[in-house]
Amino acid sequence: MQNVDSNREIRAMILCALPYPPLPVAVRRFDDDNKLGEEAVCSSHDLISQLLEAACLRSTTEENAERQRQQREILRGFIADLVKDGPLQPPGLFEVYCRRTREHIGTYFHAEGKGLPEVRFMPFDFVSRGDKYHAKICEYMAAQAILLELQGGTAMQDWMCADFPSLLSVSRDRIVSEGELRRVVSEGKEPADTGSDSE
């Protein structure tokens, strides 16, 4: 039981440190007869958490290193997406988050020589203030505020009054500071490597 709890805490820390907030994604679950059931919706972080757990059970040092290399490359591309044309507005930002989250999920398959499965996100207007997917991103915002030692916003309730587009924008601003945006846009430089080696 102790190992399970430890793994859960490690997964929670990794998910909190992800630059991609939890987004609603369509999944197919297996029923009691081990047959593919009806489509359902879950958080992308819930899906990544399951992939993390599976990777811990079967992966090797080489596979972990390759997955981390791919994830750093995706992260650099993600930051470049955020800054190349100035700050993205929520609809476009949502598309970037979906694309890069899909690629991040794919690293759990590519590192093992498997093809990327179909990952379909729900539409931009799917999340409503107060629903469970809105609560999930509010929880993420609060946990990340603690992780990054930010002033304020460390309680989930601090974010519940904000709508989904606003939460996406704040998440973007945390990743790339205004100073970094100006530096990259004005000088045409590549964004700084964060050095992240999250799994």
N, C-alpha and C. Protein backbone atom coordinates (compact mmCIF):
# COMPACT_ATOMS: atom_id res chain seq x y z
N MET A 1 0.83 -1.21 0.00
CA MET A 1 0.00 0.00 0.00
C MET A 1 0.86 1.26 0.00
N GLN A 2 2.00 1.18 0.73
CA GLN A 2 2.87 2.34 0.81
C GLN A 2 3.43 2.71 -0.56
N ASN A 3 3.81 1.69 -1.36
CA ASN A 3 4.35 1.95 -2.69
C ASN A 3 3.31 2.61 -3.58
N VAL A 4 2.04 2.14 -3.49
CA VAL A 4 0.98 2.72 -4.31
C VAL A 4 0.79 4.19 -3.98
N ASP A 5 0.77 4.51 -2.67
CA ASP A 5 0.62 5.90 -2.24
C ASP A 5 1.78 6.75 -2.73
N SER A 6 3.00 6.22 -2.68
CA SER A 6 4.16 6.95 -3.14
C SER A 6 4.07 7.24 -4.63
N ASN A 7 3.65 6.24 -5.38
CA ASN A 7 3.50 6.44 -6.82
C ASN A 7 2.46 7.51 -7.12
N ARG A 8 1.37 7.51 -6.36
CA ARG A 8 0.32 8.49 -6.59
C ARG A 8 0.84 9.90 -6.34
N GLU A 9 1.63 10.07 -5.31
CA GLU A 9 2.18 11.39 -5.01
C GLU A 9 3.16 11.84 -6.09
N ILE A 10 3.97 10.91 -6.57
CA ILE A 10 4.92 11.25 -7.63
C ILE A 10 4.18 11.65 -8.90
N ARG A 11 3.14 10.90 -9.25
CA ARG A 11 2.36 11.24 -10.44
C ARG A 11 1.72 12.61 -10.29
N ALA A 12 1.21 12.90 -9.10
CA ALA A 12 0.56 14.19 -8.86
C ALA A 12 1.56 15.34 -9.05
N MET A 13 2.79 15.15 -8.58
CA MET A 13 3.82 16.19 -8.74
C MET A 13 4.18 16.39 -10.21
N ILE A 14 4.29 15.29 -10.95
CA ILE A 14 4.62 15.39 -12.37
C ILE A 14 3.51 16.11 -13.13
N LEU A 15 2.26 15.76 -12.83
CA LEU A 15 1.12 16.38 -13.51
C LEU A 15 1.03 17.87 -13.17
N CYS A 16 1.32 18.21 -11.92
CA CYS A 16 1.29 19.61 -11.50
C CYS A 16 2.34 20.42 -12.24
N ALA A 17 3.49 19.80 -12.53
CA ALA A 17 4.58 20.51 -13.19
C ALA A 17 4.41 20.58 -14.71
N LEU A 18 3.46 19.84 -15.25
CA LEU A 18 3.24 19.88 -16.70
C LEU A 18 2.85 21.29 -17.15
N PRO A 19 3.34 21.75 -18.29
CA PRO A 19 2.93 23.06 -18.80
C PRO A 19 1.59 23.03 -19.50
N TYR A 20 1.03 21.83 -19.68
CA TYR A 20 -0.24 21.65 -20.38
C TYR A 20 -1.34 21.40 -19.34
N PRO A 21 -2.32 22.29 -19.24
CA PRO A 21 -3.37 22.10 -18.23
C PRO A 21 -4.27 20.91 -18.59
N PRO A 22 -5.02 20.39 -17.63
CA PRO A 22 -5.93 19.28 -17.92
C PRO A 22 -7.05 19.71 -18.85
N LEU A 23 -7.22 18.96 -19.92
CA LEU A 23 -8.23 19.25 -20.93
C LEU A 23 -9.15 18.05 -21.09
N PRO A 24 -10.42 18.26 -21.47
CA PRO A 24 -11.33 17.12 -21.64
C PRO A 24 -11.02 16.35 -22.92
N VAL A 25 -10.85 15.04 -22.77
CA VAL A 25 -10.49 14.20 -23.90
C VAL A 25 -11.44 13.00 -23.96
N ALA A 26 -11.79 12.61 -25.18
CA ALA A 26 -12.68 11.45 -25.38
C ALA A 26 -11.88 10.16 -25.25
N VAL A 27 -12.44 9.20 -24.54
CA VAL A 27 -11.79 7.90 -24.35
C VAL A 27 -12.81 6.79 -24.55
N ARG A 28 -12.30 5.60 -24.79
CA ARG A 28 -13.15 4.41 -24.84
C ARG A 28 -12.72 3.48 -23.72
N ARG A 29 -13.64 3.11 -22.87
CA ARG A 29 -13.33 2.25 -21.73
C ARG A 29 -13.73 0.80 -22.03
N PHE A 30 -13.08 -0.14 -21.37
CA PHE A 30 -13.44 -1.55 -21.49
C PHE A 30 -14.52 -1.88 -20.47
N ASP A 31 -15.51 -2.67 -20.87
CA ASP A 31 -16.57 -3.05 -19.94
C ASP A 31 -16.16 -4.27 -19.12
N ASP A 32 -17.08 -4.80 -18.35
CA ASP A 32 -16.78 -5.92 -17.46
C ASP A 32 -16.39 -7.18 -18.21
N ASP A 33 -16.81 -7.31 -19.47
CA ASP A 33 -16.46 -8.47 -20.28
C ASP A 33 -15.19 -8.25 -21.10
N ASN A 34 -14.46 -7.17 -20.74
CA ASN A 34 -13.21 -6.82 -21.44
C ASN A 34 -13.45 -6.48 -22.91
N LYS A 35 -14.63 -5.97 -23.20
CA LYS A 35 -14.95 -5.51 -24.54
C LYS A 35 -14.96 -3.99 -24.55
N LEU A 36 -14.61 -3.44 -25.69
CA LEU A 36 -14.57 -1.99 -25.80
C LEU A 36 -15.96 -1.41 -25.62
N GLY A 37 -16.09 -0.52 -24.64
CA GLY A 37 -17.39 0.04 -24.32
C GLY A 37 -17.67 1.35 -25.02
N GLU A 38 -18.63 2.08 -24.48
CA GLU A 38 -19.02 3.35 -25.08
C GLU A 38 -17.99 4.44 -24.82
N GLU A 39 -18.06 5.47 -25.63
CA GLU A 39 -17.14 6.58 -25.47
C GLU A 39 -17.48 7.37 -24.21
N ALA A 40 -16.46 7.82 -23.53
CA ALA A 40 -16.62 8.64 -22.33
C ALA A 40 -15.65 9.81 -22.43
N VAL A 41 -15.73 10.72 -21.47
CA VAL A 41 -14.84 11.88 -21.44
C VAL A 41 -14.10 11.87 -20.11
N CYS A 42 -12.80 12.14 -20.17
CA CYS A 42 -12.01 12.26 -18.95
C CYS A 42 -11.03 13.40 -19.11
N SER A 43 -10.32 13.71 -18.07
CA SER A 43 -9.29 14.75 -18.13
C SER A 43 -8.03 14.18 -18.78
N SER A 44 -7.35 15.00 -19.56
CA SER A 44 -6.09 14.56 -20.17
C SER A 44 -5.07 14.19 -19.10
N HIS A 45 -5.13 14.84 -17.93
CA HIS A 45 -4.20 14.51 -16.85
C HIS A 45 -4.51 13.13 -16.27
N ASP A 46 -5.78 12.76 -16.23
CA ASP A 46 -6.14 11.41 -15.78
C ASP A 46 -5.56 10.37 -16.72
N LEU A 47 -5.63 10.66 -18.01
CA LEU A 47 -5.08 9.75 -19.02
C LEU A 47 -3.56 9.66 -18.88
N ILE A 48 -2.90 10.80 -18.75
CA ILE A 48 -1.44 10.81 -18.60
C ILE A 48 -1.03 10.09 -17.32
N SER A 49 -1.81 10.25 -16.26
CA SER A 49 -1.51 9.56 -15.00
C SER A 49 -1.49 8.05 -15.19
N GLN A 50 -2.46 7.53 -15.94
CA GLN A 50 -2.50 6.10 -16.20
C GLN A 50 -1.31 5.66 -17.06
N LEU A 51 -0.93 6.48 -18.01
CA LEU A 51 0.23 6.16 -18.86
C LEU A 51 1.51 6.19 -18.05
N LEU A 52 1.61 7.14 -17.12
CA LEU A 52 2.77 7.21 -16.23
C LEU A 52 2.90 5.94 -15.40
N GLU A 53 1.78 5.51 -14.83
CA GLU A 53 1.80 4.31 -14.00
C GLU A 53 2.22 3.09 -14.81
N ALA A 54 1.68 2.98 -16.02
CA ALA A 54 2.05 1.85 -16.87
C ALA A 54 3.52 1.91 -17.26
N ALA A 55 4.02 3.11 -17.53
CA ALA A 55 5.42 3.28 -17.91
C ALA A 55 6.34 2.89 -16.77
N CYS A 56 5.95 3.21 -15.54
CA CYS A 56 6.76 2.85 -14.37
C CYS A 56 6.89 1.34 -14.22
N LEU A 57 5.87 0.63 -14.63
CA LEU A 57 5.85 -0.82 -14.46
C LEU A 57 6.66 -1.55 -15.53
N ARG A 58 6.75 -0.98 -16.72
CA ARG A 58 7.36 -1.75 -17.82
C ARG A 58 8.55 -1.10 -18.48
N SER A 59 8.81 0.18 -18.25
CA SER A 59 9.83 0.87 -19.02
C SER A 59 11.24 0.60 -18.50
N THR A 60 12.21 0.88 -19.34
CA THR A 60 13.62 0.74 -18.99
C THR A 60 14.26 2.12 -18.91
N THR A 61 15.49 2.15 -18.45
CA THR A 61 16.23 3.42 -18.37
C THR A 61 16.33 4.05 -19.75
N GLU A 62 16.58 3.23 -20.77
CA GLU A 62 16.72 3.75 -22.13
C GLU A 62 15.39 4.34 -22.63
N GLU A 63 14.30 3.65 -22.35
CA GLU A 63 12.98 4.15 -22.77
C GLU A 63 12.64 5.45 -22.06
N ASN A 64 12.96 5.53 -20.77
CA ASN A 64 12.69 6.77 -20.02
C ASN A 64 13.49 7.93 -20.58
N ALA A 65 14.76 7.68 -20.91
CA ALA A 65 15.61 8.73 -21.45
C ALA A 65 15.09 9.21 -22.80
N GLU A 66 14.63 8.27 -23.63
CA GLU A 66 14.11 8.65 -24.95
C GLU A 66 12.81 9.42 -24.80
N ARG A 67 11.93 8.99 -23.89
CA ARG A 67 10.68 9.71 -23.67
C ARG A 67 10.94 11.13 -23.18
N GLN A 68 11.88 11.29 -22.26
CA GLN A 68 12.20 12.62 -21.74
C GLN A 68 12.79 13.51 -22.82
N ARG A 69 13.62 12.91 -23.70
CA ARG A 69 14.17 13.68 -24.82
C ARG A 69 13.05 14.19 -25.72
N GLN A 70 12.11 13.33 -26.04
CA GLN A 70 10.99 13.72 -26.88
C GLN A 70 10.15 14.80 -26.20
N GLN A 71 9.94 14.66 -24.90
CA GLN A 71 9.12 15.63 -24.18
C GLN A 71 9.79 17.00 -24.11
N ARG A 72 11.11 17.04 -23.97
CA ARG A 72 11.82 18.33 -23.99
C ARG A 72 11.71 18.99 -25.35
N GLU A 73 11.78 18.18 -26.41
CA GLU A 73 11.63 18.73 -27.76
C GLU A 73 10.23 19.30 -27.97
N ILE A 74 9.21 18.59 -27.49
CA ILE A 74 7.83 19.07 -27.59
C ILE A 74 7.67 20.36 -26.80
N LEU A 75 8.28 20.42 -25.61
CA LEU A 75 8.18 21.62 -24.78
C LEU A 75 8.79 22.83 -25.47
N ARG A 76 9.95 22.65 -26.09
CA ARG A 76 10.58 23.77 -26.81
C ARG A 76 9.69 24.24 -27.95
N GLY A 77 9.09 23.29 -28.67
CA GLY A 77 8.18 23.67 -29.74
C GLY A 77 6.94 24.36 -29.22
N PHE A 78 6.46 23.91 -28.06
CA PHE A 78 5.29 24.50 -27.44
C PHE A 78 5.53 25.95 -27.07
N ILE A 79 6.66 26.24 -26.43
CA ILE A 79 6.98 27.62 -26.06
C ILE A 79 7.14 28.48 -27.31
N ALA A 80 7.75 27.92 -28.34
CA ALA A 80 7.87 28.66 -29.60
C ALA A 80 6.49 28.98 -30.18
N ASP A 81 5.55 28.05 -30.06
CA ASP A 81 4.18 28.30 -30.52
C ASP A 81 3.57 29.49 -29.78
N LEU A 82 3.85 29.59 -28.48
CA LEU A 82 3.25 30.65 -27.68
C LEU A 82 3.79 32.03 -28.00
N VAL A 83 5.02 32.10 -28.47
CA VAL A 83 5.65 33.41 -28.61
C VAL A 83 5.86 33.87 -30.05
N LYS A 84 5.69 33.00 -31.02
CA LYS A 84 6.09 33.36 -32.38
C LYS A 84 5.25 34.48 -32.97
N ASP A 85 3.98 34.58 -32.60
CA ASP A 85 3.11 35.63 -33.14
C ASP A 85 2.54 36.51 -32.01
N GLY A 86 3.25 36.57 -30.88
CA GLY A 86 2.71 37.29 -29.74
C GLY A 86 1.76 36.41 -28.96
N PRO A 87 1.22 36.90 -27.84
CA PRO A 87 0.34 36.07 -27.01
C PRO A 87 -0.90 35.58 -27.76
N LEU A 88 -1.10 34.27 -27.75
CA LEU A 88 -2.27 33.69 -28.39
C LEU A 88 -3.53 33.96 -27.58
N GLN A 89 -4.64 34.14 -28.25
CA GLN A 89 -5.93 34.28 -27.58
C GLN A 89 -6.49 32.88 -27.29
N PRO A 90 -7.43 32.78 -26.34
CA PRO A 90 -7.88 31.46 -25.86
C PRO A 90 -8.25 30.43 -26.92
N PRO A 91 -9.03 30.76 -27.97
CA PRO A 91 -9.36 29.68 -28.93
C PRO A 91 -8.11 29.10 -29.60
N GLY A 92 -7.22 29.96 -30.05
CA GLY A 92 -5.98 29.48 -30.66
C GLY A 92 -5.08 28.81 -29.65
N LEU A 93 -5.06 29.34 -28.45
CA LEU A 93 -4.27 28.77 -27.38
C LEU A 93 -4.75 27.36 -27.05
N PHE A 94 -6.05 27.17 -27.04
CA PHE A 94 -6.64 25.86 -26.78
C PHE A 94 -6.17 24.85 -27.82
N GLU A 95 -6.12 25.27 -29.09
CA GLU A 95 -5.67 24.37 -30.15
C GLU A 95 -4.21 23.97 -29.94
N VAL A 96 -3.38 24.93 -29.53
CA VAL A 96 -1.98 24.63 -29.26
C VAL A 96 -1.86 23.66 -28.09
N TYR A 97 -2.61 23.92 -27.03
CA TYR A 97 -2.58 23.02 -25.87
C TYR A 97 -2.99 21.61 -26.28
N CYS A 98 -4.03 21.49 -27.08
CA CYS A 98 -4.49 20.17 -27.50
C CYS A 98 -3.42 19.47 -28.33
N ARG A 99 -2.84 20.19 -29.28
CA ARG A 99 -1.84 19.57 -30.15
C ARG A 99 -0.62 19.11 -29.37
N ARG A 100 -0.13 19.95 -28.48
CA ARG A 100 1.08 19.60 -27.73
C ARG A 100 0.79 18.55 -26.65
N THR A 101 -0.40 18.58 -26.07
CA THR A 101 -0.77 17.52 -25.12
C THR A 101 -0.86 16.19 -25.85
N ARG A 102 -1.42 16.19 -27.04
CA ARG A 102 -1.51 14.97 -27.85
C ARG A 102 -0.11 14.42 -28.13
N GLU A 103 0.82 15.31 -28.47
CA GLU A 103 2.19 14.88 -28.74
C GLU A 103 2.85 14.35 -27.46
N HIS A 104 2.57 15.01 -26.34
CA HIS A 104 3.13 14.55 -25.06
C HIS A 104 2.62 13.15 -24.74
N ILE A 105 1.34 12.92 -24.92
CA ILE A 105 0.77 11.59 -24.71
C ILE A 105 1.45 10.58 -25.63
N GLY A 106 1.73 11.00 -26.84
CA GLY A 106 2.36 10.11 -27.81
C GLY A 106 3.73 9.63 -27.40
N THR A 107 4.44 10.38 -26.55
CA THR A 107 5.79 9.96 -26.15
C THR A 107 5.77 8.66 -25.35
N TYR A 108 4.65 8.34 -24.73
CA TYR A 108 4.56 7.10 -23.97
C TYR A 108 4.43 5.89 -24.90
N PHE A 109 4.17 6.15 -26.16
CA PHE A 109 4.06 5.09 -27.15
C PHE A 109 5.27 5.08 -28.07
N HIS A 110 5.73 6.27 -28.49
CA HIS A 110 6.87 6.35 -29.41
C HIS A 110 8.14 5.80 -28.79
N ALA A 111 8.32 6.04 -27.49
CA ALA A 111 9.55 5.57 -26.83
C ALA A 111 9.64 4.05 -26.84
N GLU A 112 8.51 3.40 -27.03
CA GLU A 112 8.48 1.94 -27.04
C GLU A 112 8.23 1.39 -28.45
N GLY A 113 8.36 2.25 -29.43
CA GLY A 113 8.22 1.81 -30.81
C GLY A 113 6.79 1.60 -31.26
N LYS A 114 5.83 2.14 -30.54
CA LYS A 114 4.42 2.00 -30.90
C LYS A 114 3.91 3.26 -31.56
N GLY A 115 2.91 3.12 -32.39
CA GLY A 115 2.31 4.27 -33.04
C GLY A 115 1.42 5.07 -32.10
N LEU A 116 1.21 6.33 -32.44
CA LEU A 116 0.36 7.19 -31.62
C LEU A 116 -1.10 6.81 -31.79
N PRO A 117 -1.79 6.54 -30.69
CA PRO A 117 -3.21 6.22 -30.79
C PRO A 117 -4.02 7.48 -31.07
N GLU A 118 -5.25 7.30 -31.49
CA GLU A 118 -6.10 8.46 -31.73
C GLU A 118 -6.43 9.14 -30.39
N VAL A 119 -6.16 10.44 -30.31
CA VAL A 119 -6.48 11.22 -29.11
C VAL A 119 -7.36 12.38 -29.56
N ARG A 120 -8.61 12.38 -29.13
CA ARG A 120 -9.56 13.39 -29.58
C ARG A 120 -10.04 14.23 -28.40
N PHE A 121 -9.78 15.52 -28.49
CA PHE A 121 -10.20 16.44 -27.44
C PHE A 121 -11.60 16.97 -27.73
N MET A 122 -12.29 17.31 -26.67
CA MET A 122 -13.61 17.89 -26.81
C MET A 122 -13.47 19.34 -27.28
N PRO A 123 -14.53 19.95 -27.83
CA PRO A 123 -14.44 21.31 -28.37
C PRO A 123 -14.11 22.35 -27.30
N PHE A 124 -13.66 23.50 -27.76
CA PHE A 124 -13.26 24.60 -26.89
C PHE A 124 -14.36 25.01 -25.92
N ASP A 125 -15.61 24.98 -26.38
CA ASP A 125 -16.73 25.44 -25.54
C ASP A 125 -17.35 24.31 -24.71
N PHE A 126 -16.68 23.17 -24.63
CA PHE A 126 -17.22 22.03 -23.89
C PHE A 126 -17.22 22.27 -22.38
N VAL A 127 -16.18 22.95 -21.88
CA VAL A 127 -16.03 23.16 -20.44
C VAL A 127 -16.90 24.33 -19.99
N SER A 128 -17.68 24.11 -18.94
CA SER A 128 -18.53 25.16 -18.36
C SER A 128 -18.07 25.44 -16.93
N ARG A 129 -18.17 26.68 -16.54
CA ARG A 129 -17.76 27.05 -15.19
C ARG A 129 -18.56 26.25 -14.17
N GLY A 130 -17.86 25.58 -13.26
CA GLY A 130 -18.50 24.79 -12.22
C GLY A 130 -18.60 23.30 -12.51
N ASP A 131 -18.35 22.87 -13.76
CA ASP A 131 -18.41 21.43 -14.03
C ASP A 131 -17.10 20.77 -13.59
N LYS A 132 -17.04 19.46 -13.70
CA LYS A 132 -15.89 18.74 -13.16
C LYS A 132 -14.61 19.00 -13.94
N TYR A 133 -14.72 19.36 -15.21
CA TYR A 133 -13.53 19.65 -16.00
C TYR A 133 -13.00 21.04 -15.67
N HIS A 134 -13.91 21.96 -15.38
CA HIS A 134 -13.52 23.28 -14.90
C HIS A 134 -12.86 23.14 -13.53
N ALA A 135 -13.42 22.31 -12.65
CA ALA A 135 -12.85 22.10 -11.32
C ALA A 135 -11.46 21.50 -11.42
N LYS A 136 -11.26 20.64 -12.41
CA LYS A 136 -9.96 19.99 -12.58
C LYS A 136 -8.87 21.00 -12.92
N ILE A 137 -9.16 21.92 -13.82
CA ILE A 137 -8.15 22.91 -14.17
C ILE A 137 -7.95 23.91 -13.03
N CYS A 138 -9.01 24.20 -12.26
CA CYS A 138 -8.85 25.08 -11.09
C CYS A 138 -7.94 24.43 -10.06
N GLU A 139 -8.09 23.14 -9.88
CA GLU A 139 -7.23 22.40 -8.95
C GLU A 139 -5.78 22.45 -9.43
N TYR A 140 -5.59 22.30 -10.73
CA TYR A 140 -4.25 22.37 -11.33
C TYR A 140 -3.62 23.75 -11.13
N MET A 141 -4.41 24.80 -11.34
CA MET A 141 -3.90 26.16 -11.18
C MET A 141 -3.44 26.41 -9.75
N ALA A 142 -4.23 25.93 -8.78
CA ALA A 142 -3.89 26.13 -7.37
C ALA A 142 -2.64 25.33 -6.99
N ALA A 143 -2.58 24.08 -7.43
CA ALA A 143 -1.42 23.24 -7.11
C ALA A 143 -0.15 23.80 -7.73
N GLN A 144 -0.27 24.31 -8.94
CA GLN A 144 0.91 24.88 -9.61
C GLN A 144 1.36 26.17 -8.93
N ALA A 145 0.41 26.94 -8.40
CA ALA A 145 0.76 28.15 -7.68
C ALA A 145 1.62 27.82 -6.45
N ILE A 146 1.29 26.71 -5.80
CA ILE A 146 2.08 26.26 -4.65
C ILE A 146 3.45 25.79 -5.12
N LEU A 147 3.47 24.99 -6.18
CA LEU A 147 4.73 24.45 -6.71
C LEU A 147 5.68 25.57 -7.12
N LEU A 148 5.15 26.59 -7.78
CA LEU A 148 5.98 27.69 -8.28
C LEU A 148 6.19 28.78 -7.25
N GLU A 149 5.61 28.57 -6.05
CA GLU A 149 5.75 29.54 -4.96
C GLU A 149 5.26 30.92 -5.37
N LEU A 150 4.08 30.95 -6.00
CA LEU A 150 3.49 32.21 -6.42
C LEU A 150 2.71 32.82 -5.26
N GLN A 151 2.52 34.11 -5.32
CA GLN A 151 1.74 34.78 -4.29
C GLN A 151 0.26 34.73 -4.66
N GLY A 152 -0.54 34.13 -3.80
CA GLY A 152 -1.97 34.04 -4.06
C GLY A 152 -2.31 32.89 -4.99
N GLY A 153 -3.62 32.58 -5.05
CA GLY A 153 -4.11 31.56 -5.96
C GLY A 153 -3.75 30.15 -5.57
N THR A 154 -3.44 29.93 -4.30
CA THR A 154 -3.01 28.60 -3.87
C THR A 154 -4.17 27.71 -3.42
N ALA A 155 -5.37 28.24 -3.44
CA ALA A 155 -6.56 27.45 -3.09
C ALA A 155 -7.42 27.27 -4.34
N MET A 156 -7.98 26.08 -4.49
CA MET A 156 -8.81 25.80 -5.66
C MET A 156 -9.94 26.82 -5.80
N GLN A 157 -10.54 27.20 -4.69
CA GLN A 157 -11.65 28.14 -4.73
C GLN A 157 -11.26 29.50 -5.28
N ASP A 158 -9.97 29.82 -5.23
CA ASP A 158 -9.51 31.10 -5.76
C ASP A 158 -9.75 31.21 -7.26
N TRP A 159 -9.89 30.06 -7.92
CA TRP A 159 -9.99 30.04 -9.38
C TRP A 159 -11.39 29.72 -9.89
N MET A 160 -12.28 29.29 -9.03
CA MET A 160 -13.59 28.81 -9.46
C MET A 160 -14.44 29.88 -10.14
N CYS A 161 -14.17 31.15 -9.85
CA CYS A 161 -14.96 32.22 -10.47
C CYS A 161 -14.47 32.55 -11.87
N ALA A 162 -13.30 32.07 -12.25
CA ALA A 162 -12.75 32.36 -13.57
C ALA A 162 -13.30 31.36 -14.59
N ASP A 163 -13.57 31.84 -15.81
CA ASP A 163 -14.06 30.93 -16.84
C ASP A 163 -12.89 30.20 -17.49
N PHE A 164 -13.20 29.21 -18.29
CA PHE A 164 -12.19 28.35 -18.92
C PHE A 164 -11.21 29.15 -19.78
N PRO A 165 -11.67 30.04 -20.66
CA PRO A 165 -10.72 30.82 -21.46
C PRO A 165 -9.74 31.62 -20.61
N SER A 166 -10.22 32.21 -19.53
CA SER A 166 -9.34 32.99 -18.65
C SER A 166 -8.29 32.11 -17.99
N LEU A 167 -8.69 30.92 -17.59
CA LEU A 167 -7.75 29.99 -16.98
C LEU A 167 -6.66 29.58 -17.96
N LEU A 168 -7.03 29.37 -19.21
CA LEU A 168 -6.04 29.03 -20.23
C LEU A 168 -5.04 30.17 -20.40
N SER A 169 -5.53 31.39 -20.38
CA SER A 169 -4.65 32.56 -20.55
C SER A 169 -3.68 32.70 -19.39
N VAL A 170 -4.17 32.49 -18.16
CA VAL A 170 -3.29 32.59 -17.00
C VAL A 170 -2.23 31.49 -17.05
N SER A 171 -2.64 30.30 -17.46
CA SER A 171 -1.69 29.20 -17.59
C SER A 171 -0.61 29.55 -18.60
N ARG A 172 -1.00 30.15 -19.71
CA ARG A 172 -0.04 30.60 -20.72
C ARG A 172 0.95 31.60 -20.12
N ASP A 173 0.43 32.57 -19.38
CA ASP A 173 1.28 33.62 -18.83
C ASP A 173 2.27 33.09 -17.81
N ARG A 174 1.90 32.02 -17.13
CA ARG A 174 2.84 31.40 -16.18
C ARG A 174 4.01 30.76 -16.90
N ILE A 175 3.75 30.21 -18.07
CA ILE A 175 4.78 29.48 -18.80
C ILE A 175 5.79 30.43 -19.41
N VAL A 176 5.31 31.46 -20.03
CA VAL A 176 6.18 32.41 -20.72
C VAL A 176 5.90 33.79 -20.15
N SER A 177 6.88 34.38 -19.51
CA SER A 177 6.71 35.71 -18.93
C SER A 177 6.60 36.75 -20.03
N GLU A 178 6.08 37.92 -19.69
CA GLU A 178 5.98 39.00 -20.67
C GLU A 178 7.36 39.40 -21.17
N GLY A 179 8.34 39.36 -20.26
CA GLY A 179 9.69 39.69 -20.68
C GLY A 179 10.23 38.71 -21.69
N GLU A 180 9.97 37.43 -21.49
CA GLU A 180 10.42 36.42 -22.43
C GLU A 180 9.69 36.56 -23.75
N LEU A 181 8.39 36.88 -23.70
CA LEU A 181 7.64 37.10 -24.93
C LEU A 181 8.27 38.24 -25.73
N ARG A 182 8.54 39.34 -25.07
CA ARG A 182 9.11 40.49 -25.77
C ARG A 182 10.48 40.16 -26.34
N ARG A 183 11.30 39.42 -25.57
CA ARG A 183 12.64 39.10 -26.03
C ARG A 183 12.60 38.23 -27.29
N VAL A 184 11.76 37.23 -27.27
CA VAL A 184 11.69 36.31 -28.40
C VAL A 184 11.10 37.00 -29.63
N VAL A 185 10.01 37.76 -29.43
CA VAL A 185 9.34 38.41 -30.55
C VAL A 185 10.23 39.49 -31.16
N SER A 186 10.88 40.29 -30.33
CA SER A 186 11.66 41.41 -30.84
C SER A 186 13.00 41.00 -31.41
N GLU A 187 13.62 39.96 -30.82
CA GLU A 187 14.94 39.55 -31.25
C GLU A 187 14.93 38.33 -32.15
N GLY A 188 13.78 37.69 -32.27
CA GLY A 188 13.68 36.52 -33.12
C GLY A 188 14.47 35.33 -32.61
N LYS A 189 14.66 35.25 -31.29
CA LYS A 189 15.44 34.17 -30.71
C LYS A 189 14.55 33.00 -30.35
N GLU A 190 15.23 31.85 -30.16
CA GLU A 190 14.53 30.68 -29.67
C GLU A 190 14.23 30.88 -28.19
N PRO A 191 13.10 30.40 -27.70
CA PRO A 191 12.81 30.51 -26.28
C PRO A 191 13.81 29.75 -25.45
N ALA A 192 14.04 30.21 -24.23
CA ALA A 192 15.00 29.57 -23.35
C ALA A 192 14.54 28.16 -23.00
N ASP A 193 15.50 27.21 -22.95
CA ASP A 193 15.19 25.85 -22.54
C ASP A 193 14.92 25.82 -21.06
N THR A 194 13.79 25.27 -20.67
CA THR A 194 13.44 25.23 -19.26
C THR A 194 14.21 24.16 -18.50
N GLY A 195 14.81 23.25 -19.25
CA GLY A 195 15.54 22.17 -18.59
C GLY A 195 14.63 21.12 -17.98
N SER A 196 13.36 21.14 -18.32
CA SER A 196 12.40 20.20 -17.73
C SER A 196 12.71 18.79 -18.20
N ASP A 197 12.66 17.84 -17.26
CA ASP A 197 12.83 16.44 -17.64
C ASP A 197 11.69 15.62 -17.09
N SER A 198 10.51 16.23 -17.09
CA SER A 198 9.33 15.51 -16.59
C SER A 198 9.03 14.32 -17.48
N GLU A 199 8.41 13.33 -16.88
CA GLU A 199 8.07 12.13 -17.64
C GLU A 199 6.64 12.18 -18.09
